[in-house]
PDB file of N, CA and C in Angstrom:
ATOM      1  N   UNK A   1      38.642 -22.442   2.866  1.00  0.00           N
ATOM      2  CA  UNK A   1      39.488 -21.272   2.994  1.00  0.00           C
ATOM      3  C   UNK A   1      40.587 -21.316   1.938  1.00  0.00           C
ATOM      4  N   UNK A   2      40.871 -20.179   1.353  1.00  0.00           N
ATOM      5  CA  UNK A   2      41.931 -20.086   0.353  1.00  0.00           C
ATOM      6  C   UNK A   2      43.270 -20.043   1.066  1.00  0.00           C
ATOM      7  N   UNK A   3      44.199 -20.846   0.599  1.00  0.00           N
ATOM      8  CA  UNK A   3      45.549 -20.833   1.151  1.00  0.00           C
ATOM      9  C   UNK A   3      46.425 -19.914   0.319  1.00  0.00           C
ATOM     10  N   UNK A   4      46.965 -18.865   0.948  1.00  0.00           N
ATOM     11  CA  UNK A   4      47.832 -17.924   0.250  1.00  0.00           C
ATOM     12  C   UNK A   4      49.247 -18.492   0.248  1.00  0.00           C
ATOM     13  N   UNK A   5      49.788 -18.695  -0.955  1.00  0.00           N
ATOM     14  CA  UNK A   5      51.155 -19.190  -1.073  1.00  0.00           C
ATOM     15  C   UNK A   5      51.890 -18.361  -2.111  1.00  0.00           C
ATOM     16  N   UNK A   6      52.984 -18.891  -2.667  1.00  0.00           N
ATOM     17  CA  UNK A   6      53.804 -18.149  -3.617  1.00  0.00           C
ATOM     18  C   UNK A   6      53.074 -17.810  -4.912  1.00  0.00           C
ATOM     19  N   UNK A   7      51.988 -18.511  -5.217  1.00  0.00           N
ATOM     20  CA  UNK A   7      51.268 -18.239  -6.460  1.00  0.00           C
ATOM     21  C   UNK A   7      50.241 -17.122  -6.292  1.00  0.00           C
ATOM     22  N   UNK A   8      50.165 -16.510  -5.123  1.00  0.00           N
ATOM     23  CA  UNK A   8      49.219 -15.431  -4.861  1.00  0.00           C
ATOM     24  C   UNK A   8      49.894 -14.081  -4.963  1.00  0.00           C
ATOM     25  N   UNK A   9      49.178 -13.099  -5.482  1.00  0.00           N
ATOM     26  CA  UNK A   9      49.597 -11.710  -5.455  1.00  0.00           C
ATOM     27  C   UNK A   9      48.859 -11.059  -4.294  1.00  0.00           C
ATOM     28  N   UNK A  10      49.573 -10.289  -3.489  1.00  0.00           N
ATOM     29  CA  UNK A  10      48.966  -9.654  -2.324  1.00  0.00           C
ATOM     30  C   UNK A  10      48.981  -8.136  -2.510  1.00  0.00           C
ATOM     31  N   UNK A  11      47.799  -7.517  -2.384  1.00  0.00           N
ATOM     32  CA  UNK A  11      47.689  -6.060  -2.364  1.00  0.00           C
ATOM     33  C   UNK A  11      47.543  -5.681  -0.900  1.00  0.00           C
ATOM     34  N   UNK A  12      48.609  -5.123  -0.317  1.00  0.00           N
ATOM     35  CA  UNK A  12      48.719  -4.979   1.125  1.00  0.00           C
ATOM     36  C   UNK A  12      47.935  -3.855   1.766  1.00  0.00           C
ATOM     37  N   UNK A  13      48.018  -3.841   3.093  1.00  0.00           N
ATOM     38  CA  UNK A  13      47.375  -2.842   3.929  1.00  0.00           C
ATOM     39  C   UNK A  13      47.902  -1.456   3.571  1.00  0.00           C
ATOM     40  N   UNK A  14      47.040  -0.464   3.686  1.00  0.00           N
ATOM     41  CA  UNK A  14      47.389   0.938   3.417  1.00  0.00           C
ATOM     42  C   UNK A  14      47.845   1.178   1.981  1.00  0.00           C
ATOM     43  N   UNK A  15      47.445   0.294   1.068  1.00  0.00           N
ATOM     44  CA  UNK A  15      47.773   0.447  -0.349  1.00  0.00           C
ATOM     45  C   UNK A  15      46.472   0.621  -1.119  1.00  0.00           C
ATOM     46  N   UNK A  16      46.446   1.622  -2.004  1.00  0.00           N
ATOM     47  CA  UNK A  16      45.326   1.787  -2.930  1.00  0.00           C
ATOM     48  C   UNK A  16      45.860   1.525  -4.325  1.00  0.00           C
ATOM     49  N   UNK A  17      45.290   0.540  -4.976  1.00  0.00           N
ATOM     50  CA  UNK A  17      45.714   0.134  -6.315  1.00  0.00           C
ATOM     51  C   UNK A  17      44.614   0.536  -7.277  1.00  0.00           C
ATOM     52  N   UNK A  18      44.934   1.355  -8.290  1.00  0.00           N
ATOM     53  CA  UNK A  18      43.954   1.835  -9.257  1.00  0.00           C
ATOM     54  C   UNK A  18      44.259   1.238 -10.622  1.00  0.00           C
ATOM     55  N   UNK A  19      43.640   0.095 -10.904  1.00  0.00           N
ATOM     56  CA  UNK A  19      43.861  -0.579 -12.190  1.00  0.00           C
ATOM     57  C   UNK A  19      42.957  -1.789 -12.269  1.00  0.00           C
ATOM     58  N   UNK A  20      42.786  -2.303 -13.469  1.00  0.00           N
ATOM     59  CA  UNK A  20      42.132  -3.582 -13.648  1.00  0.00           C
ATOM     60  C   UNK A  20      43.208  -4.656 -13.571  1.00  0.00           C
ATOM     61  N   UNK A  21      42.916  -5.753 -12.874  1.00  0.00           N
ATOM     62  CA  UNK A  21      43.907  -6.806 -12.657  1.00  0.00           C
ATOM     63  C   UNK A  21      43.391  -8.109 -13.238  1.00  0.00           C
ATOM     64  N   UNK A  22      44.254  -8.817 -13.967  1.00  0.00           N
ATOM     65  CA  UNK A  22      43.932 -10.150 -14.466  1.00  0.00           C
ATOM     66  C   UNK A  22      45.101 -11.060 -14.101  1.00  0.00           C
ATOM     67  N   UNK A  23      44.773 -12.203 -13.471  1.00  0.00           N
ATOM     68  CA  UNK A  23      45.810 -13.126 -13.018  1.00  0.00           C
ATOM     69  C   UNK A  23      45.357 -14.563 -13.242  1.00  0.00           C
ATOM     70  N   UNK A  24      46.296 -15.430 -13.616  1.00  0.00           N
ATOM     71  CA  UNK A  24      45.989 -16.854 -13.765  1.00  0.00           C
ATOM     72  C   UNK A  24      46.137 -17.591 -12.443  1.00  0.00           C
ATOM     73  N   UNK A  25      46.528 -16.873 -11.393  1.00  0.00           N
ATOM     74  CA  UNK A  25      46.617 -17.477 -10.060  1.00  0.00           C
ATOM     75  C   UNK A  25      45.696 -16.696  -9.129  1.00  0.00           C
ATOM     76  N   UNK A  26      46.018 -16.649  -7.855  1.00  0.00           N
ATOM     77  CA  UNK A  26      45.161 -16.008  -6.877  1.00  0.00           C
ATOM     78  C   UNK A  26      45.601 -14.615  -6.503  1.00  0.00           C
ATOM     79  N   UNK A  27      44.659 -13.853  -5.958  1.00  0.00           N
ATOM     80  CA  UNK A  27      44.936 -12.504  -5.486  1.00  0.00           C
ATOM     81  C   UNK A  27      44.340 -12.350  -4.097  1.00  0.00           C
ATOM     82  N   UNK A  28      45.134 -11.819  -3.179  1.00  0.00           N
ATOM     83  CA  UNK A  28      44.671 -11.507  -1.831  1.00  0.00           C
ATOM     84  C   UNK A  28      44.654  -9.992  -1.686  1.00  0.00           C
ATOM     85  N   UNK A  29      43.482  -9.446  -1.402  1.00  0.00           N
ATOM     86  CA  UNK A  29      43.334  -7.995  -1.283  1.00  0.00           C
ATOM     87  C   UNK A  29      43.179  -7.662   0.196  1.00  0.00           C
ATOM     88  N   UNK A  30      44.119  -6.880   0.696  1.00  0.00           N
ATOM     89  CA  UNK A  30      44.084  -6.453   2.091  1.00  0.00           C
ATOM     90  C   UNK A  30      43.810  -4.951   2.157  1.00  0.00           C
ATOM     91  N   UNK A  31      44.243  -4.219   1.140  1.00  0.00           N
ATOM     92  CA  UNK A  31      44.035  -2.771   1.063  1.00  0.00           C
ATOM     93  C   UNK A  31      42.830  -2.423   0.216  1.00  0.00           C
ATOM     94  N   UNK A  32      43.015  -1.478  -0.723  1.00  0.00           N
ATOM     95  CA  UNK A  32      41.938  -0.990  -1.580  1.00  0.00           C
ATOM     96  C   UNK A  32      42.280  -1.211  -3.040  1.00  0.00           C
ATOM     97  N   UNK A  33      41.323  -1.748  -3.785  1.00  0.00           N
ATOM     98  CA  UNK A  33      41.457  -1.916  -5.228  1.00  0.00           C
ATOM     99  C   UNK A  33      40.346  -1.132  -5.892  1.00  0.00           C
ATOM    100  N   UNK A  34      40.730  -0.196  -6.765  1.00  0.00           N
ATOM    101  CA  UNK A  34      39.763   0.555  -7.559  1.00  0.00           C
ATOM    102  C   UNK A  34      39.914   0.093  -9.000  1.00  0.00           C
ATOM    103  N   UNK A  35      39.128  -0.910  -9.344  1.00  0.00           N
ATOM    104  CA  UNK A  35      39.192  -1.502 -10.674  1.00  0.00           C
ATOM    105  C   UNK A  35      38.670  -2.918 -10.626  1.00  0.00           C
ATOM    106  N   UNK A  36      38.527  -3.505 -11.793  1.00  0.00           N
ATOM    107  CA  UNK A  36      38.031  -4.873 -11.883  1.00  0.00           C
ATOM    108  C   UNK A  36      39.159  -5.866 -11.609  1.00  0.00           C
ATOM    109  N   UNK A  37      38.795  -7.040 -11.103  1.00  0.00           N
ATOM    110  CA  UNK A  37      39.781  -8.088 -10.845  1.00  0.00           C
ATOM    111  C   UNK A  37      39.253  -9.403 -11.401  1.00  0.00           C
ATOM    112  N   UNK A  38      40.126 -10.119 -12.117  1.00  0.00           N
ATOM    113  CA  UNK A  38      39.810 -11.394 -12.749  1.00  0.00           C
ATOM    114  C   UNK A  38      40.953 -12.345 -12.391  1.00  0.00           C
ATOM    115  N   UNK A  39      40.663 -13.350 -11.562  1.00  0.00           N
ATOM    116  CA  UNK A  39      41.705 -14.275 -11.106  1.00  0.00           C
ATOM    117  C   UNK A  39      41.079 -15.624 -10.796  1.00  0.00           C
ATOM    118  N   UNK A  40      41.931 -16.627 -10.643  1.00  0.00           N
ATOM    119  CA  UNK A  40      41.436 -17.949 -10.295  1.00  0.00           C
ATOM    120  C   UNK A  40      40.764 -17.936  -8.928  1.00  0.00           C
ATOM    121  N   UNK A  41      41.442 -17.369  -7.934  1.00  0.00           N
ATOM    122  CA  UNK A  41      40.919 -17.263  -6.579  1.00  0.00           C
ATOM    123  C   UNK A  41      41.140 -15.844  -6.085  1.00  0.00           C
ATOM    124  N   UNK A  42      40.136 -15.312  -5.400  1.00  0.00           N
ATOM    125  CA  UNK A  42      40.239 -13.960  -4.847  1.00  0.00           C
ATOM    126  C   UNK A  42      39.839 -14.006  -3.384  1.00  0.00           C
ATOM    127  N   UNK A  43      40.696 -13.437  -2.544  1.00  0.00           N
ATOM    128  CA  UNK A  43      40.405 -13.313  -1.126  1.00  0.00           C
ATOM    129  C   UNK A  43      40.465 -11.828  -0.780  1.00  0.00           C
ATOM    130  N   UNK A  44      39.357 -11.286  -0.270  1.00  0.00           N
ATOM    131  CA  UNK A  44      39.312  -9.894   0.162  1.00  0.00           C
ATOM    132  C   UNK A  44      39.167  -9.892   1.679  1.00  0.00           C
ATOM    133  N   UNK A  45      40.205  -9.448   2.364  1.00  0.00           N
ATOM    134  CA  UNK A  45      40.258  -9.496   3.832  1.00  0.00           C
ATOM    135  C   UNK A  45      39.325  -8.479   4.480  1.00  0.00           C
ATOM    136  N   UNK A  46      39.039  -8.689   5.753  1.00  0.00           N
ATOM    137  CA  UNK A  46      38.268  -7.719   6.534  1.00  0.00           C
ATOM    138  C   UNK A  46      38.996  -6.383   6.477  1.00  0.00           C
ATOM    139  N   UNK A  47      38.276  -5.319   6.219  1.00  0.00           N
ATOM    140  CA  UNK A  47      38.880  -3.992   6.108  1.00  0.00           C
ATOM    141  C   UNK A  47      39.304  -3.644   4.695  1.00  0.00           C
ATOM    142  N   UNK A  48      39.280  -4.598   3.785  1.00  0.00           N
ATOM    143  CA  UNK A  48      39.640  -4.312   2.391  1.00  0.00           C
ATOM    144  C   UNK A  48      38.454  -3.672   1.676  1.00  0.00           C
ATOM    145  N   UNK A  49      38.766  -2.995   0.564  1.00  0.00           N
ATOM    146  CA  UNK A  49      37.735  -2.338  -0.237  1.00  0.00           C
ATOM    147  C   UNK A  49      38.005  -2.641  -1.709  1.00  0.00           C
ATOM    148  N   UNK A  50      37.001  -3.172  -2.390  1.00  0.00           N
ATOM    149  CA  UNK A  50      37.087  -3.395  -3.835  1.00  0.00           C
ATOM    150  C   UNK A  50      35.988  -2.565  -4.472  1.00  0.00           C
ATOM    151  N   UNK A  51      36.389  -1.675  -5.378  1.00  0.00           N
ATOM    152  CA  UNK A  51      35.441  -0.856  -6.128  1.00  0.00           C
ATOM    153  C   UNK A  51      35.563  -1.250  -7.587  1.00  0.00           C
ATOM    154  N   UNK A  52      34.879  -2.324  -7.947  1.00  0.00           N
ATOM    155  CA  UNK A  52      34.937  -2.857  -9.295  1.00  0.00           C
ATOM    156  C   UNK A  52      34.361  -4.252  -9.303  1.00  0.00           C
ATOM    157  N   UNK A  53      34.291  -4.829 -10.483  1.00  0.00           N
ATOM    158  CA  UNK A  53      33.732  -6.169 -10.613  1.00  0.00           C
ATOM    159  C   UNK A  53      34.774  -7.239 -10.296  1.00  0.00           C
ATOM    160  N   UNK A  54      34.298  -8.359  -9.774  1.00  0.00           N
ATOM    161  CA  UNK A  54      35.146  -9.506  -9.431  1.00  0.00           C
ATOM    162  C   UNK A  54      34.734 -10.683 -10.296  1.00  0.00           C
ATOM    163  N   UNK A  55      35.721 -11.345 -10.921  1.00  0.00           N
ATOM    164  CA  UNK A  55      35.496 -12.595 -11.654  1.00  0.00           C
ATOM    165  C   UNK A  55      36.515 -13.610 -11.147  1.00  0.00           C
ATOM    166  N   UNK A  56      36.027 -14.795 -10.722  1.00  0.00           N
ATOM    167  CA  UNK A  56      36.927 -15.806 -10.178  1.00  0.00           C
ATOM    168  C   UNK A  56      36.241 -17.162 -10.140  1.00  0.00           C
ATOM    169  N   UNK A  57      37.042 -18.203  -9.990  1.00  0.00           N
ATOM    170  CA  UNK A  57      36.461 -19.508  -9.699  1.00  0.00           C
ATOM    171  C   UNK A  57      35.989 -19.537  -8.258  1.00  0.00           C
ATOM    172  N   UNK A  58      36.821 -18.967  -7.339  1.00  0.00           N
ATOM    173  CA  UNK A  58      36.496 -18.913  -5.915  1.00  0.00           C
ATOM    174  C   UNK A  58      36.701 -17.488  -5.416  1.00  0.00           C
ATOM    175  N   UNK A  59      35.692 -16.932  -4.744  1.00  0.00           N
ATOM    176  CA  UNK A  59      35.801 -15.606  -4.137  1.00  0.00           C
ATOM    177  C   UNK A  59      35.423 -15.712  -2.668  1.00  0.00           C
ATOM    178  N   UNK A  60      36.376 -15.366  -1.786  1.00  0.00           N
ATOM    179  CA  UNK A  60      36.127 -15.327  -0.343  1.00  0.00           C
ATOM    180  C   UNK A  60      36.148 -13.873   0.081  1.00  0.00           C
ATOM    181  N   UNK A  61      35.016 -13.388   0.575  1.00  0.00           N
ATOM    182  CA  UNK A  61      34.847 -11.964   0.814  1.00  0.00           C
ATOM    183  C   UNK A  61      34.618 -11.669   2.283  1.00  0.00           C
ATOM    184  N   UNK A  62      35.562 -10.927   2.860  1.00  0.00           N
ATOM    185  CA  UNK A  62      35.479 -10.486   4.252  1.00  0.00           C
ATOM    186  C   UNK A  62      35.334  -8.964   4.325  1.00  0.00           C
ATOM    187  N   UNK A  63      35.692  -8.267   3.257  1.00  0.00           N
ATOM    188  CA  UNK A  63      35.688  -6.806   3.233  1.00  0.00           C
ATOM    189  C   UNK A  63      34.514  -6.260   2.453  1.00  0.00           C
ATOM    190  N   UNK A  64      34.660  -5.022   1.962  1.00  0.00           N
ATOM    191  CA  UNK A  64      33.568  -4.400   1.215  1.00  0.00           C
ATOM    192  C   UNK A  64      33.828  -4.489  -0.284  1.00  0.00           C
ATOM    193  N   UNK A  65      32.753  -4.728  -1.033  1.00  0.00           N
ATOM    194  CA  UNK A  65      32.815  -4.799  -2.488  1.00  0.00           C
ATOM    195  C   UNK A  65      31.689  -3.939  -3.040  1.00  0.00           C
ATOM    196  N   UNK A  66      32.059  -3.003  -3.910  1.00  0.00           N
ATOM    197  CA  UNK A  66      31.080  -2.217  -4.648  1.00  0.00           C
ATOM    198  C   UNK A  66      31.266  -2.593  -6.108  1.00  0.00           C
ATOM    199  N   UNK A  67      30.459  -3.515  -6.561  1.00  0.00           N
ATOM    200  CA  UNK A  67      30.576  -4.032  -7.923  1.00  0.00           C
ATOM    201  C   UNK A  67      29.946  -5.410  -7.978  1.00  0.00           C
ATOM    202  N   UNK A  68      29.841  -5.938  -9.176  1.00  0.00           N
ATOM    203  CA  UNK A  68      29.231  -7.251  -9.366  1.00  0.00           C
ATOM    204  C   UNK A  68      30.262  -8.358  -9.207  1.00  0.00           C
ATOM    205  N   UNK A  69      29.793  -9.518  -8.773  1.00  0.00           N
ATOM    206  CA  UNK A  69      30.661 -10.668  -8.532  1.00  0.00           C
ATOM    207  C   UNK A  69      30.193 -11.814  -9.424  1.00  0.00           C
ATOM    208  N   UNK A  70      31.124 -12.397 -10.174  1.00  0.00           N
ATOM    209  CA  UNK A  70      30.862 -13.543 -11.043  1.00  0.00           C
ATOM    210  C   UNK A  70      31.859 -14.622 -10.643  1.00  0.00           C
ATOM    211  N   UNK A  71      31.384 -15.698 -10.031  1.00  0.00           N
ATOM    212  CA  UNK A  71      32.301 -16.736  -9.561  1.00  0.00           C
ATOM    213  C   UNK A  71      31.603 -18.083  -9.503  1.00  0.00           C
ATOM    214  N   UNK A  72      32.396 -19.146  -9.539  1.00  0.00           N
ATOM    215  CA  UNK A  72      31.838 -20.470  -9.352  1.00  0.00           C
ATOM    216  C   UNK A  72      31.366 -20.656  -7.918  1.00  0.00           C
ATOM    217  N   UNK A  73      32.209 -20.280  -6.963  1.00  0.00           N
ATOM    218  CA  UNK A  73      31.917 -20.401  -5.534  1.00  0.00           C
ATOM    219  C   UNK A  73      32.162 -19.057  -4.870  1.00  0.00           C
ATOM    220  N   UNK A  74      31.168 -18.557  -4.148  1.00  0.00           N
ATOM    221  CA  UNK A  74      31.305 -17.303  -3.405  1.00  0.00           C
ATOM    222  C   UNK A  74      31.039 -17.590  -1.939  1.00  0.00           C
ATOM    223  N   UNK A  75      31.965 -17.149  -1.086  1.00  0.00           N
ATOM    224  CA  UNK A  75      31.785 -17.252   0.369  1.00  0.00           C
ATOM    225  C   UNK A  75      31.791 -15.831   0.930  1.00  0.00           C
ATOM    226  N   UNK A  76      30.716 -15.484   1.639  1.00  0.00           N
ATOM    227  CA  UNK A  76      30.567 -14.143   2.201  1.00  0.00           C
ATOM    228  C   UNK A  76      30.597 -14.264   3.721  1.00  0.00           C
ATOM    229  N   UNK A  77      31.562 -13.598   4.336  1.00  0.00           N
ATOM    230  CA  UNK A  77      31.801 -13.717   5.775  1.00  0.00           C
ATOM    231  C   UNK A  77      31.155 -12.549   6.536  1.00  0.00           C
ATOM    232  N   UNK A  78      31.036 -12.659   7.873  1.00  0.00           N
ATOM    233  CA  UNK A  78      30.291 -11.676   8.674  1.00  0.00           C
ATOM    234  C   UNK A  78      30.748 -10.227   8.542  1.00  0.00           C
ATOM    235  N   UNK A  79      32.003  -9.984   8.219  1.00  0.00           N
ATOM    236  CA  UNK A  79      32.499  -8.604   8.115  1.00  0.00           C
ATOM    237  C   UNK A  79      32.289  -8.011   6.724  1.00  0.00           C
ATOM    238  N   UNK A  80      31.743  -8.774   5.800  1.00  0.00           N
ATOM    239  CA  UNK A  80      31.594  -8.334   4.405  1.00  0.00           C
ATOM    240  C   UNK A  80      30.374  -7.440   4.200  1.00  0.00           C
ATOM    241  N   UNK A  81      30.541  -6.466   3.310  1.00  0.00           N
ATOM    242  CA  UNK A  81      29.449  -5.619   2.839  1.00  0.00           C
ATOM    243  C   UNK A  81      29.540  -5.625   1.317  1.00  0.00           C
ATOM    244  N   UNK A  82      28.528  -6.187   0.673  1.00  0.00           N
ATOM    245  CA  UNK A  82      28.519  -6.327  -0.781  1.00  0.00           C
ATOM    246  C   UNK A  82      27.425  -5.433  -1.359  1.00  0.00           C
ATOM    247  N   UNK A  83      27.806  -4.494  -2.221  1.00  0.00           N
ATOM    248  CA  UNK A  83      26.871  -3.644  -2.945  1.00  0.00           C
ATOM    249  C   UNK A  83      26.999  -3.967  -4.421  1.00  0.00           C
ATOM    250  N   UNK A  84      26.235  -4.951  -4.853  1.00  0.00           N
ATOM    251  CA  UNK A  84      26.277  -5.380  -6.247  1.00  0.00           C
ATOM    252  C   UNK A  84      25.646  -6.744  -6.374  1.00  0.00           C
ATOM    253  N   UNK A  85      25.487  -7.180  -7.609  1.00  0.00           N
ATOM    254  CA  UNK A  85      24.865  -8.470  -7.877  1.00  0.00           C
ATOM    255  C   UNK A  85      25.885  -9.601  -7.779  1.00  0.00           C
ATOM    256  N   UNK A  86      25.433 -10.762  -7.339  1.00  0.00           N
ATOM    257  CA  UNK A  86      26.270 -11.950  -7.254  1.00  0.00           C
ATOM    258  C   UNK A  86      25.736 -12.980  -8.239  1.00  0.00           C
ATOM    259  N   UNK A  87      26.585 -13.400  -9.178  1.00  0.00           N
ATOM    260  CA  UNK A  87      26.278 -14.463 -10.135  1.00  0.00           C
ATOM    261  C   UNK A  87      27.215 -15.620  -9.797  1.00  0.00           C
ATOM    262  N   UNK A  88      26.669 -16.761  -9.395  1.00  0.00           N
ATOM    263  CA  UNK A  88      27.530 -17.863  -8.980  1.00  0.00           C
ATOM    264  C   UNK A  88      26.812 -19.194  -9.130  1.00  0.00           C
ATOM    265  N   UNK A  89      27.574 -20.276  -8.965  1.00  0.00           N
ATOM    266  CA  UNK A  89      26.997 -21.614  -8.949  1.00  0.00           C
ATOM    267  C   UNK A  89      26.747 -22.074  -7.515  1.00  0.00           C
ATOM    268  N   UNK A  90      27.545 -21.580  -6.576  1.00  0.00           N
ATOM    269  CA  UNK A  90      27.414 -21.967  -5.173  1.00  0.00           C
ATOM    270  C   UNK A  90      27.694 -20.742  -4.301  1.00  0.00           C
ATOM    271  N   UNK A  91      26.850 -20.537  -3.287  1.00  0.00           N
ATOM    272  CA  UNK A  91      26.964 -19.361  -2.434  1.00  0.00           C
ATOM    273  C   UNK A  91      26.844 -19.750  -0.971  1.00  0.00           C
ATOM    274  N   UNK A  92      27.739 -19.215  -0.152  1.00  0.00           N
ATOM    275  CA  UNK A  92      27.700 -19.392   1.292  1.00  0.00           C
ATOM    276  C   UNK A  92      27.718 -18.001   1.921  1.00  0.00           C
ATOM    277  N   UNK A  93      26.709 -17.698   2.735  1.00  0.00           N
ATOM    278  CA  UNK A  93      26.606 -16.390   3.373  1.00  0.00           C
ATOM    279  C   UNK A  93      26.476 -16.609   4.876  1.00  0.00           C
ATOM    280  N   UNK A  94      27.383 -16.015   5.645  1.00  0.00           N
ATOM    281  CA  UNK A  94      27.333 -16.141   7.099  1.00  0.00           C
ATOM    282  C   UNK A  94      26.582 -14.971   7.714  1.00  0.00           C
ATOM    283  N   UNK A  95      25.923 -15.202   8.860  1.00  0.00           N
ATOM    284  CA  UNK A  95      25.189 -14.136   9.535  1.00  0.00           C
ATOM    285  C   UNK A  95      26.101 -12.958   9.859  1.00  0.00           C
ATOM    286  N   UNK A  96      25.549 -11.754   9.694  1.00  0.00           N
ATOM    287  CA  UNK A  96      26.297 -10.536   9.976  1.00  0.00           C
ATOM    288  C   UNK A  96      26.751  -9.831   8.713  1.00  0.00           C
ATOM    289  N   UNK A  97      26.835 -10.561   7.611  1.00  0.00           N
ATOM    290  CA  UNK A  97      27.237  -9.942   6.349  1.00  0.00           C
ATOM    291  C   UNK A  97      26.077  -9.121   5.796  1.00  0.00           C
ATOM    292  N   UNK A  98      26.398  -8.182   4.912  1.00  0.00           N
ATOM    293  CA  UNK A  98      25.396  -7.320   4.301  1.00  0.00           C
ATOM    294  C   UNK A  98      25.452  -7.510   2.791  1.00  0.00           C
ATOM    295  N   UNK A  99      24.314  -7.830   2.179  1.00  0.00           N
ATOM    296  CA  UNK A  99      24.222  -8.005   0.729  1.00  0.00           C
ATOM    297  C   UNK A  99      23.163  -7.054   0.188  1.00  0.00           C
ATOM    298  N   UNK A 100      23.561  -6.185  -0.729  1.00  0.00           N
ATOM    299  CA  UNK A 100      22.645  -5.254  -1.387  1.00  0.00           C
ATOM    300  C   UNK A 100      22.740  -5.497  -2.883  1.00  0.00           C
ATOM    301  N   UNK A 101      21.867  -6.334  -3.414  1.00  0.00           N
ATOM    302  CA  UNK A 101      21.882  -6.647  -4.834  1.00  0.00           C
ATOM    303  C   UNK A 101      21.157  -7.945  -5.099  1.00  0.00           C
ATOM    304  N   UNK A 102      21.146  -8.326  -6.363  1.00  0.00           N
ATOM    305  CA  UNK A 102      20.494  -9.575  -6.759  1.00  0.00           C
ATOM    306  C   UNK A 102      21.466 -10.739  -6.617  1.00  0.00           C
ATOM    307  N   UNK A 103      20.906 -11.917  -6.378  1.00  0.00           N
ATOM    308  CA  UNK A 103      21.690 -13.145  -6.330  1.00  0.00           C
ATOM    309  C   UNK A 103      21.154 -14.077  -7.402  1.00  0.00           C
ATOM    310  N   UNK A 104      22.044 -14.504  -8.294  1.00  0.00           N
ATOM    311  CA  UNK A 104      21.678 -15.423  -9.371  1.00  0.00           C
ATOM    312  C   UNK A 104      22.560 -16.650  -9.241  1.00  0.00           C
ATOM    313  N   UNK A 105      21.934 -17.800  -8.949  1.00  0.00           N
ATOM    314  CA  UNK A 105      22.690 -19.033  -8.755  1.00  0.00           C
ATOM    315  C   UNK A 105      22.348 -19.992  -9.880  1.00  0.00           C
ATOM    316  N   UNK A 106      23.374 -20.361 -10.646  1.00  0.00           N
ATOM    317  CA  UNK A 106      23.210 -21.351 -11.711  1.00  0.00           C
ATOM    318  C   UNK A 106      24.586 -21.783 -12.187  1.00  0.00           C
ATOM    319  N   UNK A 107      24.648 -22.950 -12.798  1.00  0.00           N
ATOM    320  CA  UNK A 107      25.888 -23.410 -13.397  1.00  0.00           C
ATOM    321  C   UNK A 107      26.693 -24.346 -12.526  1.00  0.00           C
ATOM    322  N   UNK A 108      27.934 -24.561 -12.944  1.00  0.00           N
ATOM    323  CA  UNK A 108      28.885 -25.474 -12.324  1.00  0.00           C
ATOM    324  C   UNK A 108      29.823 -24.688 -11.418  1.00  0.00           C
ATOM    325  N   UNK A 109      29.985 -25.095 -10.137  1.00  0.00           N
ATOM    326  CA  UNK A 109      30.876 -24.356  -9.237  1.00  0.00           C
ATOM    327  C   UNK A 109      32.346 -24.384  -9.644  1.00  0.00           C
ATOM    328  N   UNK A 110      32.710 -25.206 -10.621  1.00  0.00           N
ATOM    329  CA  UNK A 110      34.094 -25.256 -11.086  1.00  0.00           C
ATOM    330  C   UNK A 110      34.350 -24.286 -12.226  1.00  0.00           C
ATOM    331  N   UNK A 111      33.307 -23.552 -12.636  1.00  0.00           N
ATOM    332  CA  UNK A 111      33.425 -22.589 -13.710  1.00  0.00           C
ATOM    333  C   UNK A 111      32.923 -21.229 -13.227  1.00  0.00           C
ATOM    334  N   UNK A 112      33.568 -20.137 -13.659  1.00  0.00           N
ATOM    335  CA  UNK A 112      33.041 -18.819 -13.304  1.00  0.00           C
ATOM    336  C   UNK A 112      31.647 -18.644 -13.887  1.00  0.00           C
ATOM    337  N   UNK A 113      30.784 -17.997 -13.145  1.00  0.00           N
ATOM    338  CA  UNK A 113      29.399 -17.796 -13.592  1.00  0.00           C
ATOM    339  C   UNK A 113      29.293 -16.456 -14.310  1.00  0.00           C
ATOM    340  N   UNK A 114      29.965 -16.330 -15.424  1.00  0.00           N
ATOM    341  CA  UNK A 114      29.955 -15.064 -16.152  1.00  0.00           C
ATOM    342  C   UNK A 114      28.619 -14.845 -16.816  1.00  0.00           C
ATOM    343  N   UNK A 115      28.057 -13.650 -16.611  1.00  0.00           N
ATOM    344  CA  UNK A 115      26.746 -13.326 -17.201  1.00  0.00           C
ATOM    345  C   UNK A 115      26.941 -12.624 -18.516  1.00  0.00           C
TER     346      UNK A 115
END
C-alpha cells in the first residue's frame, strides 16, 4: 500500500483537474483527472476517475481509468475499472476488478515499463 505523506499531491473529492501532470513524488487521485499523469507513485481511490495515460513506478488503482498504464508495479483492486492496456513488470489483480485491454508484462519492477 502506498503511504500518503507530505511528498504526495492530492487531487481531492469533487474536483475535476484538466491537465497533464508530472511529479517526481507521488500523486493521490480522489476526484477526476482529465489528462496524463507521470509520477513516482500513483494512487487512484475508489470513486476516482482518470481519463488519460498513467506512468509510474507504482500504480495502485481502486477507481476507473480510461487510458493506458505503464508502471513497474500495478495493483488493481476490486473497485477498479480499467479501460486500456497495462504495460508493467509486476501485476496484482484482485477479484471484482474489471480489465478491458491488453496486459504486457516484462522488465524490472523498479523501472517504469514504458512502451
